[in-house]
Amino acid sequence: MAALKAAIFVLKIVYLVSLRNYIFSFTIKIFNMKNCLFTLLSILFFGLVNAQTYQPSSANLKSRTDFQDRKFGMFIHWGASSVLGDGEWVMENKGINKDDYKKLLKVFNPVDFDAAKWVSTAKNAGMKYIVFITRHHDGFSNWDTKFSDWKITNTHYKQDPLKQLAAECKKQGIQLGLYYSTLDWSREDYPFTTGRTGQKSGRTSKGDYASYLKFMKNQLTELLTNYGPISCIWFDGHWDQTNVEGSADRTSRIDWKYDEIYGLIHKLQPATMIGNNHHMDPIKGEDFQMFEQDLPGNNSAGLNFQSASVLPLESCVTMNDSWGFRITDHKYKTFNEVIRTLVGAAGRNSNLLLNVGPMPNGEIQKEFRDTLAAVGNWTKQYGHTIYGTRGGPMKPEKWGVTTQDDKYVYLHLFEKPENGIVIVPGKYNAVQLTALNKNQSISFELVQAGIKINLNNIELSGPDTILKIVKLN
């Protein structure tokens, strides 16, 4: 009996030791698995962070703030295409062969181009910067480039309008940005066989992106070396190598080598901001985000499925239905429409880049000039409610938006809200609410959520009735 008890005791000891060893071994395995998982996740995380790392310079960060403060700019679509009077896409839309299209070199002669008038028109409208088309999709270069014969200085005009424009912008205190197309309908080395456009221009090669990349870098180096400080490079054409906007997969069919392109720009001029009209979320190395023919958050044009990012924002919008000169396009935006678009952009924390398409003789047409003059009268009186501001405490509504600076919130009313009552979130001075357009009494009260304003008896005037609300220090 004693021997049996001793045997049972020994078996228990063996079992417990085995169990302990098993538990210890299992624990080590779990620990190792966790370590492996942690290591894997760390690699993925830090790899992703590294892949997305772009550290803008202090000069670039200042440019971003200054850009947001300016709020209002002029986009200028112009070039050899204006001769045909059918918009800047006429080569593609009409299926014109590149050799036929280049006959415009002998026809385009903008003898009435006057950089001082262009810049004055923008400045008097309250615009703080200009973005000029240096090269659109037809490949025509609007400056004296050494890397292409398809350029404005080979026309009868012979002069370099960009040189004149840069000098005049400097003289009048207007910032200059440059649009540059990454897409080309005329060059043989652009990889057009994988593109969505440019299939009808008569090219026979299959493209050579290494050659085309070198060409673009050479031209960009010229632009950033010979024309003084450039506020931004405004790229367009990426979408040519993707599926259509709204597709689940918008992956580019070519590697654009943006790390090389963007790196070159930031090296040559660290303060220069880069934006790319690819209709997607920003790519590493970009400094602002644009929205085409829509305000951020809207998608009436069917191009803007992307969300607004934390980068500075810009909406580019035409003054009629065309970017380049189209002689039959008379659908001009009214003064009221332009002001509400400008204010609507500011209320969404965005700039407005308003387009003009000068005529082939170099003049900005009268319809644009007249509207811009009226806009200038408004900005002289009420520009302080948008310049230097950021989006206000209320989300944009159909009836209006808010903007704000350190001291004030500006409530911009396009129409009365449905129930006539607005609550603006925040903390405000109990006795200071002013209508800027017209001296009138406004009923309001402070509530826990902010300031409650009764607009039922207010008289709206002009395109935008503005209430100034004093913040509580």
Protein backbone atom coordinates (compact mmCIF):
# COMPACT_ATOMS: atom_id res chain seq x y z
CA MET A 1 0.00 0.00 0.00
CA ALA A 2 2.83 2.35 0.89
CA ALA A 3 4.53 1.49 -2.38
CA LEU A 4 1.32 2.31 -4.31
CA LYS A 5 1.00 5.71 -2.60
CA ALA A 6 4.61 6.46 -3.38
CA ALA A 7 4.05 5.56 -7.04
CA ILE A 8 0.94 7.79 -7.24
CA PHE A 9 2.90 10.63 -5.63
CA VAL A 10 5.70 10.27 -8.20
CA LEU A 11 3.18 10.26 -11.07
CA LYS A 12 1.58 13.46 -9.75
CA ILE A 13 4.99 15.13 -9.59
CA VAL A 14 5.76 14.06 -13.17
CA TYR A 15 2.37 15.30 -14.35
CA LEU A 16 2.75 18.66 -12.66
CA VAL A 17 6.25 19.12 -14.05
CA SER A 18 5.04 18.18 -17.53
CA LEU A 19 2.10 20.53 -17.21
CA ARG A 20 4.38 23.32 -16.04
CA ASN A 21 6.71 22.74 -18.97
CA TYR A 22 3.79 22.69 -21.41
CA ILE A 23 2.38 25.93 -20.04
CA PHE A 24 5.81 27.53 -20.10
CA SER A 25 6.38 26.37 -23.68
CA PHE A 26 2.94 27.56 -24.79
CA THR A 27 3.50 30.92 -23.12
CA ILE A 28 6.82 31.31 -24.91
CA LYS A 29 5.14 30.48 -28.23
CA ILE A 30 2.39 33.04 -27.62
CA PHE A 31 5.01 35.59 -26.62
CA ASN A 32 7.00 34.85 -29.74
CA MET A 33 3.86 35.06 -31.89
CA LYS A 34 3.00 38.40 -30.35
CA ASN A 35 6.54 39.59 -30.92
CA CYS A 36 6.38 38.48 -34.53
CA LEU A 37 3.02 40.17 -35.00
CA PHE A 38 4.27 43.30 -33.29
CA THR A 39 7.39 43.29 -35.45
CA LEU A 40 5.32 42.77 -38.60
CA LEU A 41 2.92 45.54 -37.68
CA SER A 42 5.84 47.81 -36.81
CA ILE A 43 7.44 47.17 -40.17
CA LEU A 44 4.19 47.86 -41.98
CA PHE A 45 3.43 50.97 -39.92
CA PHE A 46 6.85 52.57 -40.07
CA GLY A 47 7.21 51.57 -43.70
CA LEU A 48 3.92 53.27 -44.46
CA VAL A 49 4.91 56.35 -42.49
CA ASN A 50 8.25 56.44 -44.27
CA ALA A 51 6.54 56.05 -47.65
CA GLN A 52 4.26 58.98 -46.86
CA THR A 53 6.86 61.22 -45.23
CA TYR A 54 7.30 64.65 -46.75
CA GLN A 55 8.63 67.41 -44.56
CA PRO A 56 7.92 70.81 -46.10
CA SER A 57 10.46 73.56 -45.49
CA SER A 58 9.72 76.51 -43.21
CA ALA A 59 9.51 78.69 -46.34
CA ASN A 60 6.95 76.30 -47.82
CA LEU A 61 4.86 76.30 -44.65
CA LYS A 62 4.83 80.10 -44.71
CA SER A 63 3.75 79.98 -48.36
CA ARG A 64 0.81 77.80 -47.36
CA THR A 65 -0.36 80.29 -44.75
CA ASP A 66 0.10 83.24 -47.11
CA PHE A 67 -1.77 81.33 -49.82
CA GLN A 68 -4.75 80.76 -47.54
CA ASP A 69 -4.74 84.43 -46.54
CA ARG A 70 -4.90 85.62 -50.18
CA LYS A 71 -8.15 83.78 -50.89
CA PHE A 72 -8.70 85.03 -54.46
CA GLY A 73 -6.69 84.49 -57.64
CA MET A 74 -6.95 84.72 -61.43
CA PHE A 75 -6.50 81.64 -63.64
CA ILE A 76 -5.43 82.47 -67.22
CA HIS A 77 -6.04 79.87 -69.95
CA TRP A 78 -4.42 81.10 -73.14
CA GLY A 79 -2.26 79.93 -76.01
CA ALA A 80 -2.27 78.99 -79.68
CA SER A 81 -5.59 77.15 -79.27
CA SER A 82 -7.36 80.50 -78.76
CA VAL A 83 -6.99 81.20 -82.50
CA LEU A 84 -9.60 78.52 -83.27
CA GLY A 85 -12.08 80.06 -80.81
CA ASP A 86 -13.35 76.70 -79.57
CA GLY A 87 -11.71 76.18 -76.19
CA GLU A 88 -8.36 74.79 -75.10
CA TRP A 89 -9.46 71.18 -75.84
CA VAL A 90 -10.14 71.89 -79.53
CA MET A 91 -7.25 69.72 -80.75
CA GLU A 92 -8.64 66.68 -78.92
CA ASN A 93 -12.33 67.44 -79.45
CA LYS A 94 -11.95 67.97 -83.20
CA GLY A 95 -9.42 65.16 -83.67
CA ILE A 96 -6.87 67.49 -85.26
CA ASN A 97 -3.63 65.92 -86.44
CA LYS A 98 -0.58 67.31 -84.63
CA ASP A 99 1.08 68.45 -87.86
CA ASP A 100 -2.04 70.33 -88.95
CA TYR A 101 -2.47 71.81 -85.49
CA LYS A 102 1.08 73.16 -85.45
CA LYS A 103 0.21 75.38 -88.40
CA LEU A 104 -1.19 77.68 -85.71
CA LEU A 105 2.42 78.69 -85.14
CA LYS A 106 2.09 80.86 -88.25
CA VAL A 107 -1.28 82.29 -87.21
CA PHE A 108 -1.10 83.03 -83.47
CA ASN A 109 0.07 86.63 -83.08
CA PRO A 110 -1.18 88.30 -79.85
CA VAL A 111 -0.17 91.84 -80.76
CA ASP A 112 -2.54 93.37 -78.16
CA PHE A 113 -1.12 91.42 -75.21
CA ASP A 114 -0.38 93.84 -72.38
CA ALA A 115 0.90 92.30 -69.15
CA ALA A 116 0.21 95.50 -67.21
CA LYS A 117 -3.47 95.41 -68.20
CA TRP A 118 -3.80 91.73 -67.28
CA VAL A 119 -2.25 92.21 -63.86
CA SER A 120 -4.19 95.44 -63.22
CA THR A 121 -7.45 93.68 -64.09
CA ALA A 122 -6.69 91.00 -61.53
CA LYS A 123 -5.49 93.42 -58.86
CA ASN A 124 -8.44 95.79 -59.24
CA ALA A 125 -10.80 92.83 -58.83
CA GLY A 126 -9.22 92.08 -55.45
CA MET A 127 -7.26 89.08 -56.72
CA LYS A 128 -3.96 88.50 -54.93
CA TYR A 129 -2.29 86.03 -57.30
CA ILE A 130 -2.29 84.80 -60.90
CA VAL A 131 -1.83 81.27 -62.25
CA PHE A 132 -0.76 81.36 -65.90
CA ILE A 133 -0.90 78.50 -68.39
CA THR A 134 2.70 77.87 -69.43
CA ARG A 135 1.91 74.67 -71.35
CA HIS A 136 -1.48 73.05 -71.84
CA HIS A 137 -2.29 69.56 -73.16
CA ASP A 138 -1.60 70.56 -76.77
CA GLY A 139 2.04 70.98 -75.71
CA PHE A 140 2.37 74.62 -76.83
CA SER A 141 4.86 76.46 -74.60
CA ASN A 142 3.93 80.03 -73.67
CA TRP A 143 7.53 81.06 -72.96
CA ASP A 144 10.90 81.05 -74.67
CA THR A 145 11.86 77.47 -73.80
CA LYS A 146 15.06 75.94 -75.16
CA PHE A 147 13.56 72.47 -75.18
CA SER A 148 10.80 72.80 -77.78
CA ASP A 149 10.27 74.60 -81.09
CA TRP A 150 6.50 74.47 -80.52
CA LYS A 151 6.54 77.75 -78.56
CA ILE A 152 5.26 81.32 -78.62
CA THR A 153 8.61 82.90 -79.49
CA ASN A 154 8.52 81.01 -82.81
CA THR A 155 5.27 82.75 -83.78
CA HIS A 156 5.19 86.14 -85.51
CA TYR A 157 4.79 87.64 -82.02
CA LYS A 158 8.32 86.46 -81.14
CA GLN A 159 8.17 87.83 -77.57
CA ASP A 160 8.08 86.00 -74.23
CA PRO A 161 4.79 86.90 -72.48
CA LEU A 162 5.77 85.04 -69.32
CA LYS A 163 8.80 87.28 -68.90
CA GLN A 164 6.59 90.34 -69.23
CA LEU A 165 3.95 88.89 -66.89
CA ALA A 166 6.51 87.98 -64.21
CA ALA A 167 7.96 91.50 -64.29
CA GLU A 168 4.52 93.09 -64.05
CA CYS A 169 3.38 90.84 -61.20
CA LYS A 170 6.49 91.83 -59.27
CA LYS A 171 5.84 95.51 -60.00
CA GLN A 172 2.19 95.39 -58.88
CA GLY A 173 2.70 93.08 -55.89
CA ILE A 174 0.81 90.09 -57.30
CA GLN A 175 2.03 86.52 -56.73
CA LEU A 176 2.66 84.42 -59.84
CA GLY A 177 1.94 80.70 -60.13
CA LEU A 178 2.42 78.51 -63.18
CA TYR A 179 0.14 75.84 -64.66
CA TYR A 180 2.02 72.99 -66.35
CA SER A 181 0.43 70.04 -68.14
CA THR A 182 1.97 66.62 -67.55
CA LEU A 183 -0.12 65.38 -70.49
CA ASP A 184 0.91 66.11 -74.07
CA TRP A 185 -1.10 65.50 -77.26
CA SER A 186 1.72 66.32 -79.66
CA ARG A 187 5.00 64.82 -78.39
CA GLU A 188 5.99 61.35 -79.56
CA ASP A 189 7.66 60.44 -76.26
CA TYR A 190 4.53 60.97 -74.12
CA PRO A 191 3.07 57.47 -73.39
CA PHE A 192 -0.22 58.19 -75.12
CA THR A 193 -1.04 54.53 -75.89
CA THR A 194 -2.08 54.04 -72.24
CA GLY A 195 -3.82 57.41 -72.02
CA ARG A 196 -7.49 58.34 -72.19
CA THR A 197 -6.91 61.17 -74.67
CA GLY A 198 -4.61 62.12 -77.54
CA GLN A 199 -5.32 59.06 -79.65
CA LYS A 200 -6.26 61.03 -82.78
CA SER A 201 -3.24 63.31 -83.17
CA GLY A 202 -1.34 61.13 -85.65
CA ARG A 203 1.46 59.83 -83.45
CA THR A 204 3.09 56.55 -84.44
CA SER A 205 5.51 55.73 -81.61
CA LYS A 206 4.58 54.06 -78.33
CA GLY A 207 6.15 56.73 -76.16
CA ASP A 208 9.29 56.90 -74.04
CA TYR A 209 8.56 58.15 -70.57
CA ALA A 210 12.21 58.41 -69.56
CA SER A 211 12.71 60.87 -72.43
CA TYR A 212 9.48 62.72 -71.63
CA LEU A 213 10.35 62.96 -67.92
CA LYS A 214 13.71 64.50 -68.80
CA PHE A 215 11.93 67.00 -71.06
CA MET A 216 9.50 68.02 -68.30
CA LYS A 217 12.28 68.39 -65.74
CA ASN A 218 14.26 70.56 -68.14
CA GLN A 219 11.28 72.82 -68.76
CA LEU A 220 10.39 73.04 -65.06
CA THR A 221 13.99 73.97 -64.30
CA GLU A 222 13.71 76.83 -66.81
CA LEU A 223 10.47 78.06 -65.29
CA LEU A 224 11.82 77.97 -61.74
CA THR A 225 15.17 79.51 -62.65
CA ASN A 226 14.47 82.28 -65.17
CA TYR A 227 11.25 83.94 -64.00
CA GLY A 228 11.80 84.89 -60.36
CA PRO A 229 9.89 83.56 -57.34
CA ILE A 230 7.05 81.24 -58.34
CA SER A 231 4.28 80.84 -55.78
CA CYS A 232 3.02 77.49 -57.09
CA ILE A 233 3.32 74.88 -59.80
CA TRP A 234 -0.19 73.81 -60.82
CA PHE A 235 -0.03 70.38 -62.50
CA ASP A 236 -2.77 68.90 -64.65
CA GLY A 237 -3.07 65.73 -66.77
CA HIS A 238 -2.48 62.88 -64.31
CA TRP A 239 -6.06 61.70 -64.88
CA ASP A 240 -5.18 60.83 -68.49
CA GLN A 241 -3.45 57.69 -67.20
CA THR A 242 -6.22 56.55 -64.83
CA ASN A 243 -9.73 55.21 -65.05
CA VAL A 244 -12.45 57.84 -65.09
CA GLU A 245 -13.27 59.85 -62.01
CA GLY A 246 -15.54 57.93 -59.65
CA SER A 247 -14.00 54.55 -60.52
CA ALA A 248 -13.08 52.28 -57.64
CA ASP A 249 -9.55 51.97 -59.03
CA ARG A 250 -7.83 55.24 -60.01
CA THR A 251 -4.33 53.76 -60.09
CA SER A 252 -2.09 55.40 -62.68
CA ARG A 253 -1.04 53.24 -65.61
CA ILE A 254 2.41 54.83 -65.59
CA ASP A 255 4.84 55.79 -62.84
CA TRP A 256 5.05 59.56 -63.16
CA LYS A 257 8.15 59.69 -60.90
CA TYR A 258 6.61 62.43 -58.80
CA ASP A 259 9.34 61.99 -56.20
CA GLU A 260 11.80 63.24 -58.82
CA ILE A 261 9.53 65.99 -60.19
CA TYR A 262 8.38 67.29 -56.82
CA GLY A 263 11.85 66.96 -55.35
CA LEU A 264 13.30 69.05 -58.18
CA ILE A 265 10.76 71.82 -57.62
CA HIS A 266 11.28 71.94 -53.86
CA LYS A 267 15.04 71.95 -54.41
CA LEU A 268 14.98 74.83 -56.90
CA GLN A 269 12.47 76.93 -54.95
CA PRO A 270 11.66 75.54 -51.47
CA ALA A 271 8.84 78.06 -50.98
CA THR A 272 7.03 77.02 -54.17
CA MET A 273 3.83 75.10 -53.48
CA ILE A 274 2.88 72.08 -55.57
CA GLY A 275 -0.68 71.12 -56.46
CA ASN A 276 -1.90 68.46 -58.88
CA ASN A 277 -5.33 68.43 -60.48
CA HIS A 278 -5.57 64.62 -60.44
CA HIS A 279 -9.05 64.63 -58.81
CA MET A 280 -7.79 62.38 -56.01
CA ASP A 281 -6.55 62.68 -52.45
CA PRO A 282 -3.19 64.47 -52.23
CA ILE A 283 -0.01 62.60 -53.15
CA LYS A 284 3.18 62.78 -51.09
CA GLY A 285 5.03 66.01 -51.82
CA GLU A 286 1.97 68.13 -52.64
CA ASP A 287 1.32 71.35 -50.73
CA PHE A 288 -2.24 72.26 -51.64
CA GLN A 289 -5.32 70.51 -52.99
CA MET A 290 -7.57 71.74 -55.76
CA PHE A 291 -11.16 71.12 -56.80
CA GLU A 292 -12.22 71.66 -60.42
CA GLN A 293 -15.45 73.52 -61.23
CA ASP A 294 -16.78 72.89 -57.71
CA LEU A 295 -16.37 74.08 -54.15
CA PRO A 296 -14.90 71.54 -51.70
CA GLY A 297 -17.52 69.02 -50.66
CA ASN A 298 -19.55 69.46 -53.86
CA ASN A 299 -19.39 67.34 -57.01
CA SER A 300 -21.73 68.86 -59.56
CA ALA A 301 -19.02 68.54 -62.24
CA GLY A 302 -18.56 64.79 -61.63
CA LEU A 303 -14.81 65.25 -61.13
CA ASN A 304 -14.44 65.71 -57.38
CA PHE A 305 -14.97 62.46 -55.52
CA GLN A 306 -12.02 63.24 -53.22
CA SER A 307 -12.47 64.61 -49.71
CA ALA A 308 -11.02 67.92 -48.56
CA SER A 309 -7.67 67.31 -46.86
CA VAL A 310 -5.82 69.27 -44.17
CA LEU A 311 -3.77 70.99 -46.89
CA PRO A 312 -4.72 74.47 -48.14
CA LEU A 313 -7.63 74.20 -50.57
CA GLU A 314 -8.41 75.89 -53.87
CA SER A 315 -11.46 75.81 -56.14
CA CYS A 316 -10.84 76.64 -59.80
CA VAL A 317 -13.96 77.88 -61.58
CA THR A 318 -14.68 79.38 -65.01
CA MET A 319 -16.49 82.69 -65.59
CA ASN A 320 -18.55 81.09 -68.35
CA ASP A 321 -18.60 77.43 -69.45
CA SER A 322 -15.10 77.42 -70.97
CA TRP A 323 -11.52 77.59 -69.76
CA GLY A 324 -9.91 78.76 -73.02
CA PHE A 325 -11.43 81.32 -75.39
CA ARG A 326 -14.62 80.01 -77.00
CA ILE A 327 -16.21 82.58 -79.24
CA THR A 328 -19.75 81.15 -78.96
CA ASP A 329 -19.82 80.78 -75.15
CA HIS A 330 -22.02 83.53 -73.72
CA LYS A 331 -23.03 81.77 -70.48
CA TYR A 332 -21.27 84.30 -68.29
CA LYS A 333 -21.57 84.12 -64.53
CA THR A 334 -23.29 87.15 -63.06
CA PHE A 335 -21.73 89.42 -60.47
CA ASN A 336 -23.91 87.81 -57.80
CA GLU A 337 -22.82 84.33 -58.82
CA VAL A 338 -19.14 85.25 -58.70
CA ILE A 339 -19.42 86.84 -55.24
CA ARG A 340 -21.32 83.89 -53.83
CA THR A 341 -18.77 81.50 -55.30
CA LEU A 342 -15.93 83.52 -53.76
CA VAL A 343 -17.61 83.74 -50.37
CA GLY A 344 -18.73 80.11 -50.58
CA ALA A 345 -15.13 79.07 -51.15
CA ALA A 346 -13.91 81.12 -48.18
CA GLY A 347 -16.62 79.61 -45.98
CA ARG A 348 -15.27 76.17 -46.91
CA ASN A 349 -11.74 77.23 -45.98
CA SER A 350 -10.80 77.42 -49.65
CA ASN A 351 -9.38 79.90 -52.12
CA LEU A 352 -11.13 80.73 -55.38
CA LEU A 353 -9.10 80.66 -58.60
CA LEU A 354 -11.41 82.38 -61.09
CA ASN A 355 -10.61 81.78 -64.74
CA VAL A 356 -10.42 84.08 -67.74
CA GLY A 357 -9.69 82.91 -71.30
CA PRO A 358 -8.15 85.83 -73.20
CA MET A 359 -8.77 86.26 -76.92
CA PRO A 360 -6.11 85.31 -79.50
CA ASN A 361 -5.06 88.96 -79.84
CA GLY A 362 -4.07 88.94 -76.15
CA GLU A 363 -6.98 90.91 -74.69
CA ILE A 364 -9.20 89.79 -71.83
CA GLN A 365 -12.69 90.16 -73.24
CA LYS A 366 -14.96 92.94 -72.06
CA GLU A 367 -17.57 90.66 -70.44
CA PHE A 368 -14.94 89.34 -68.03
CA ARG A 369 -13.45 92.77 -67.37
CA ASP A 370 -16.82 94.33 -66.54
CA THR A 371 -17.75 91.62 -64.06
CA LEU A 372 -14.31 91.70 -62.45
CA ALA A 373 -14.56 95.48 -62.05
CA ALA A 374 -17.84 95.02 -60.15
CA VAL A 375 -16.25 92.29 -58.03
CA GLY A 376 -13.44 94.73 -57.25
CA ASN A 377 -15.91 97.27 -55.87
CA TRP A 378 -17.25 94.57 -53.55
CA THR A 379 -13.82 93.38 -52.38
CA LYS A 380 -12.76 96.97 -51.61
CA GLN A 381 -15.69 97.26 -49.21
CA TYR A 382 -16.05 93.74 -47.85
CA GLY A 383 -12.79 91.98 -48.69
CA HIS A 384 -11.76 92.02 -45.02
CA THR A 385 -14.49 89.41 -44.39
CA ILE A 386 -12.64 86.87 -46.55
CA TYR A 387 -8.95 87.87 -46.79
CA GLY A 388 -6.91 86.38 -43.97
CA THR A 389 -9.91 84.40 -42.71
CA ARG A 390 -10.54 80.69 -42.38
CA GLY A 391 -13.74 78.68 -42.56
CA GLY A 392 -16.16 79.65 -39.82
CA PRO A 393 -17.79 77.64 -37.03
CA MET A 394 -20.86 76.60 -39.06
CA LYS A 395 -20.90 74.06 -41.85
CA PRO A 396 -21.74 75.68 -45.21
CA GLU A 397 -25.42 75.86 -46.08
CA LYS A 398 -27.30 76.72 -49.24
CA TRP A 399 -28.41 79.97 -47.61
CA GLY A 400 -24.93 81.06 -46.51
CA VAL A 401 -21.59 80.42 -44.85
CA THR A 402 -19.39 81.75 -42.07
CA THR A 403 -15.79 82.96 -42.13
CA GLN A 404 -13.67 83.96 -39.14
CA ASP A 405 -10.46 85.57 -38.00
CA ASP A 406 -9.05 86.04 -34.49
CA LYS A 407 -11.57 88.72 -33.51
CA TYR A 408 -14.72 88.19 -35.53
CA VAL A 409 -17.06 85.69 -37.11
CA TYR A 410 -18.70 86.88 -40.34
CA LEU A 411 -22.08 85.41 -41.19
CA HIS A 412 -22.59 85.66 -44.97
CA LEU A 413 -26.24 85.39 -45.99
CA PHE A 414 -27.24 84.63 -49.59
CA GLU A 415 -30.86 84.08 -48.58
CA LYS A 416 -32.85 83.61 -45.39
CA PRO A 417 -32.80 80.20 -43.69
CA GLU A 418 -36.10 78.33 -43.83
CA ASN A 419 -37.18 79.12 -40.26
CA GLY A 420 -35.30 82.44 -40.08
CA ILE A 421 -33.26 81.33 -37.07
CA VAL A 422 -29.50 80.69 -37.02
CA ILE A 423 -27.38 79.52 -34.10
CA VAL A 424 -23.69 80.26 -34.62
CA PRO A 425 -21.53 78.10 -32.32
CA GLY A 426 -18.93 79.79 -30.13
CA LYS A 427 -18.55 82.39 -27.39
CA TYR A 428 -19.45 85.97 -28.30
CA ASN A 429 -19.75 89.48 -26.93
CA ALA A 430 -23.26 90.02 -25.66
CA VAL A 431 -23.82 93.44 -27.22
CA GLN A 432 -21.95 93.52 -30.54
CA LEU A 433 -23.62 92.23 -33.70
CA THR A 434 -23.46 94.44 -36.78
CA ALA A 435 -24.91 94.27 -40.28
CA LEU A 436 -22.17 95.52 -42.61
CA ASN A 437 -24.28 96.14 -45.72
CA LYS A 438 -27.04 98.19 -44.13
CA ASN A 439 -27.75 99.78 -40.77
CA GLN A 440 -30.57 97.71 -39.31
CA SER A 441 -31.61 96.25 -35.99
CA ILE A 442 -31.03 92.53 -35.51
CA SER A 443 -32.63 90.39 -32.84
CA PHE A 444 -30.27 87.95 -31.11
CA GLU A 445 -29.55 86.29 -27.78
CA LEU A 446 -26.67 84.34 -26.28
CA VAL A 447 -27.47 80.69 -25.64
CA GLN A 448 -25.42 77.80 -24.37
CA ALA A 449 -24.55 76.66 -27.90
CA GLY A 450 -23.46 80.12 -29.09
CA ILE A 451 -25.42 83.07 -30.43
CA LYS A 452 -29.00 82.69 -31.64
CA ILE A 453 -29.92 85.17 -34.37
CA ASN A 454 -33.43 85.91 -35.59
CA LEU A 455 -33.23 86.83 -39.28
CA ASN A 456 -36.93 86.98 -40.03
CA ASN A 457 -37.03 90.77 -40.06
CA ILE A 458 -33.64 91.43 -41.60
CA GLU A 459 -33.49 93.02 -45.04
CA LEU A 460 -31.09 91.21 -47.37
CA SER A 461 -29.17 93.37 -49.84
CA GLY A 462 -26.89 92.53 -52.74
CA PRO A 463 -25.33 89.14 -53.36
CA ASP A 464 -24.24 88.70 -49.76
CA THR A 465 -25.60 90.27 -46.58
CA ILE A 466 -22.86 90.16 -43.94
CA LEU A 467 -23.24 90.13 -40.15
CA LYS A 468 -20.16 90.75 -38.03
CA ILE A 469 -20.15 88.98 -34.70
CA VAL A 470 -17.52 89.94 -32.10
CA LYS A 471 -15.82 87.00 -30.42
CA LEU A 472 -15.48 86.94 -26.63
CA ASN A 473 -11.83 87.41 -25.68
